[in-house]
């Protein structure tokens, strides 16, 4: 990887540019004319997920991330597994964004 690739990978991971690149790619490739319907359905699912997360955070008086919630509900072992999964997901997301952006350029 060149310096330009590493800088673009870091910037893309920081500002979350994958959402802008992937939404257009998926809309063109798979959704087609039903793209607005797909956005409405995904927005509704995001609202439901947010309501579940808000209810969970209201029941647990500790502010924090998914690690704190899993630690409180299920224990330390499951919290470490959740943190590892979140880290691996972030790494994979950066990798996928980088490969898609470099294939489009």
C-alpha atoms as a PDB file:
ATOM      1  CA  UNK A   1       0.000   0.000   0.000  1.00  0.00           C
ATOM      2  CA  UNK A   2       1.217   3.437  -0.830  1.00  0.00           C
ATOM      3  CA  UNK A   3       1.116   6.504   1.386  1.00  0.00           C
ATOM      4  CA  UNK A   4      -1.909   7.794  -0.540  1.00  0.00           C
ATOM      5  CA  UNK A   5      -3.774   4.540   0.123  1.00  0.00           C
ATOM      6  CA  UNK A   6      -3.027   4.674   3.844  1.00  0.00           C
ATOM      7  CA  UNK A   7      -4.071   8.321   4.144  1.00  0.00           C
ATOM      8  CA  UNK A   8      -7.323   7.690   2.255  1.00  0.00           C
ATOM      9  CA  UNK A   9      -8.013   4.634   4.426  1.00  0.00           C
ATOM     10  CA  UNK A  10      -7.523   6.685   7.598  1.00  0.00           C
ATOM     11  CA  UNK A  11      -9.634   9.597   6.387  1.00  0.00           C
ATOM     12  CA  UNK A  12     -12.393   7.317   5.132  1.00  0.00           C
ATOM     13  CA  UNK A  13     -12.527   5.485   8.449  1.00  0.00           C
ATOM     14  CA  UNK A  14     -12.562   8.749  10.380  1.00  0.00           C
ATOM     15  CA  UNK A  15     -15.360  10.497   8.513  1.00  0.00           C
ATOM     16  CA  UNK A  16     -17.267   7.338   7.649  1.00  0.00           C
ATOM     17  CA  UNK A  17     -17.207   7.848   3.906  1.00  0.00           C
ATOM     18  CA  UNK A  18     -18.291   4.273   3.275  1.00  0.00           C
ATOM     19  CA  UNK A  19     -21.924   5.204   3.822  1.00  0.00           C
ATOM     20  CA  UNK A  20     -21.747   7.726   0.978  1.00  0.00           C
ATOM     21  CA  UNK A  21     -19.897   5.442  -1.420  1.00  0.00           C
ATOM     22  CA  UNK A  22     -21.794   2.249  -0.692  1.00  0.00           C
ATOM     23  CA  UNK A  23     -25.297   3.732  -0.735  1.00  0.00           C
ATOM     24  CA  UNK A  24     -24.917   4.903  -4.322  1.00  0.00           C
ATOM     25  CA  UNK A  25     -23.243   1.675  -5.379  1.00  0.00           C
ATOM     26  CA  UNK A  26     -25.972  -0.503  -3.831  1.00  0.00           C
ATOM     27  CA  UNK A  27     -28.767   1.717  -5.178  1.00  0.00           C
ATOM     28  CA  UNK A  28     -27.402   1.536  -8.700  1.00  0.00           C
ATOM     29  CA  UNK A  29     -26.580  -2.152  -8.610  1.00  0.00           C
ATOM     30  CA  UNK A  30     -29.387  -3.780  -6.648  1.00  0.00           C
ATOM     31  CA  UNK A  31     -32.269  -1.478  -5.708  1.00  0.00           C
ATOM     32  CA  UNK A  32     -32.798   0.460  -8.919  1.00  0.00           C
ATOM     33  CA  UNK A  33     -36.086   2.376  -8.951  1.00  0.00           C
ATOM     34  CA  UNK A  34     -36.994   1.062  -5.483  1.00  0.00           C
ATOM     35  CA  UNK A  35     -34.156   3.034  -3.853  1.00  0.00           C
ATOM     36  CA  UNK A  36     -36.461   5.471  -1.962  1.00  0.00           C
ATOM     37  CA  UNK A  37     -38.460   2.530  -0.621  1.00  0.00           C
ATOM     38  CA  UNK A  38     -35.239   0.876   0.534  1.00  0.00           C
ATOM     39  CA  UNK A  39     -34.225   4.073   2.362  1.00  0.00           C
ATOM     40  CA  UNK A  40     -37.643   4.259   4.072  1.00  0.00           C
ATOM     41  CA  UNK A  41     -37.467   0.629   5.195  1.00  0.00           C
ATOM     42  CA  UNK A  42     -33.899   0.956   6.458  1.00  0.00           C
ATOM     43  CA  UNK A  43     -34.792   4.206   8.255  1.00  0.00           C
ATOM     44  CA  UNK A  44     -37.702   2.487   9.987  1.00  0.00           C
ATOM     45  CA  UNK A  45     -35.436  -0.372  11.068  1.00  0.00           C
ATOM     46  CA  UNK A  46     -32.898   2.141  12.395  1.00  0.00           C
ATOM     47  CA  UNK A  47     -35.633   3.867  14.439  1.00  0.00           C
ATOM     48  CA  UNK A  48     -36.724   0.544  15.940  1.00  0.00           C
ATOM     49  CA  UNK A  49     -33.127  -0.323  16.778  1.00  0.00           C
ATOM     50  CA  UNK A  50     -32.670   3.095  18.366  1.00  0.00           C
ATOM     51  CA  UNK A  51     -35.782   2.583  20.504  1.00  0.00           C
ATOM     52  CA  UNK A  52     -34.449  -0.759  21.749  1.00  0.00           C
ATOM     53  CA  UNK A  53     -31.069   0.761  22.525  1.00  0.00           C
ATOM     54  CA  UNK A  54     -32.710   3.723  24.318  1.00  0.00           C
ATOM     55  CA  UNK A  55     -34.771   1.368  26.480  1.00  0.00           C
ATOM     56  CA  UNK A  56     -31.671  -0.640  27.374  1.00  0.00           C
ATOM     57  CA  UNK A  57     -29.670   2.466  28.214  1.00  0.00           C
ATOM     58  CA  UNK A  58     -32.497   3.799  30.386  1.00  0.00           C
ATOM     59  CA  UNK A  59     -32.487   0.610  32.442  1.00  0.00           C
ATOM     60  CA  UNK A  60     -28.688   0.679  32.971  1.00  0.00           C
ATOM     61  CA  UNK A  61     -27.469   3.792  34.802  1.00  0.00           C
ATOM     62  CA  UNK A  62     -23.945   3.563  33.372  1.00  0.00           C
ATOM     63  CA  UNK A  63     -23.163   5.652  30.318  1.00  0.00           C
ATOM     64  CA  UNK A  64     -20.854   4.041  27.815  1.00  0.00           C
ATOM     65  CA  UNK A  65     -20.588   1.864  24.812  1.00  0.00           C
ATOM     66  CA  UNK A  66     -21.757  -1.602  23.935  1.00  0.00           C
ATOM     67  CA  UNK A  67     -18.990  -2.977  26.175  1.00  0.00           C
ATOM     68  CA  UNK A  68     -20.556  -1.366  29.272  1.00  0.00           C
ATOM     69  CA  UNK A  69     -24.027  -2.634  28.432  1.00  0.00           C
ATOM     70  CA  UNK A  70     -22.909  -6.189  27.711  1.00  0.00           C
ATOM     71  CA  UNK A  71     -20.710  -6.170  30.831  1.00  0.00           C
ATOM     72  CA  UNK A  72     -23.675  -5.128  32.973  1.00  0.00           C
ATOM     73  CA  UNK A  73     -26.123  -7.583  31.422  1.00  0.00           C
ATOM     74  CA  UNK A  74     -24.010 -10.641  30.669  1.00  0.00           C
ATOM     75  CA  UNK A  75     -20.619 -10.381  32.364  1.00  0.00           C
ATOM     76  CA  UNK A  76     -16.998  -9.685  31.541  1.00  0.00           C
ATOM     77  CA  UNK A  77     -16.339 -12.578  29.149  1.00  0.00           C
ATOM     78  CA  UNK A  78     -19.200 -11.646  26.807  1.00  0.00           C
ATOM     79  CA  UNK A  79     -18.217  -7.975  27.037  1.00  0.00           C
ATOM     80  CA  UNK A  80     -14.689  -8.781  25.846  1.00  0.00           C
ATOM     81  CA  UNK A  81     -16.117 -10.849  22.987  1.00  0.00           C
ATOM     82  CA  UNK A  82     -18.435  -7.964  22.031  1.00  0.00           C
ATOM     83  CA  UNK A  83     -15.537  -5.495  22.101  1.00  0.00           C
ATOM     84  CA  UNK A  84     -13.439  -7.791  19.912  1.00  0.00           C
ATOM     85  CA  UNK A  85     -16.307  -8.154  17.430  1.00  0.00           C
ATOM     86  CA  UNK A  86     -16.770  -4.376  17.281  1.00  0.00           C
ATOM     87  CA  UNK A  87     -13.047  -3.893  16.655  1.00  0.00           C
ATOM     88  CA  UNK A  88     -12.982  -6.520  13.919  1.00  0.00           C
ATOM     89  CA  UNK A  89     -16.089  -5.000  12.348  1.00  0.00           C
ATOM     90  CA  UNK A  90     -14.455  -1.571  12.245  1.00  0.00           C
ATOM     91  CA  UNK A  91     -11.319  -3.008  10.651  1.00  0.00           C
ATOM     92  CA  UNK A  92     -13.361  -4.909   8.070  1.00  0.00           C
ATOM     93  CA  UNK A  93     -15.471  -1.838   7.289  1.00  0.00           C
ATOM     94  CA  UNK A  94     -12.360   0.252   6.641  1.00  0.00           C
ATOM     95  CA  UNK A  95     -10.941  -2.501   4.458  1.00  0.00           C
ATOM     96  CA  UNK A  96     -14.137  -2.844   2.422  1.00  0.00           C
ATOM     97  CA  UNK A  97     -14.423   0.916   1.943  1.00  0.00           C
ATOM     98  CA  UNK A  98     -10.826   1.132   0.827  1.00  0.00           C
ATOM     99  CA  UNK A  99     -11.181  -1.685  -1.691  1.00  0.00           C
ATOM    100  CA  UNK A 100     -14.388  -0.210  -3.120  1.00  0.00           C
ATOM    101  CA  UNK A 101     -12.985   3.313  -3.402  1.00  0.00           C
ATOM    102  CA  UNK A 102      -9.776   2.137  -5.055  1.00  0.00           C
ATOM    103  CA  UNK A 103     -11.747   0.021  -7.525  1.00  0.00           C
ATOM    104  CA  UNK A 104     -13.869   3.043  -8.497  1.00  0.00           C
ATOM    105  CA  UNK A 105     -10.907   5.418  -8.935  1.00  0.00           C
END
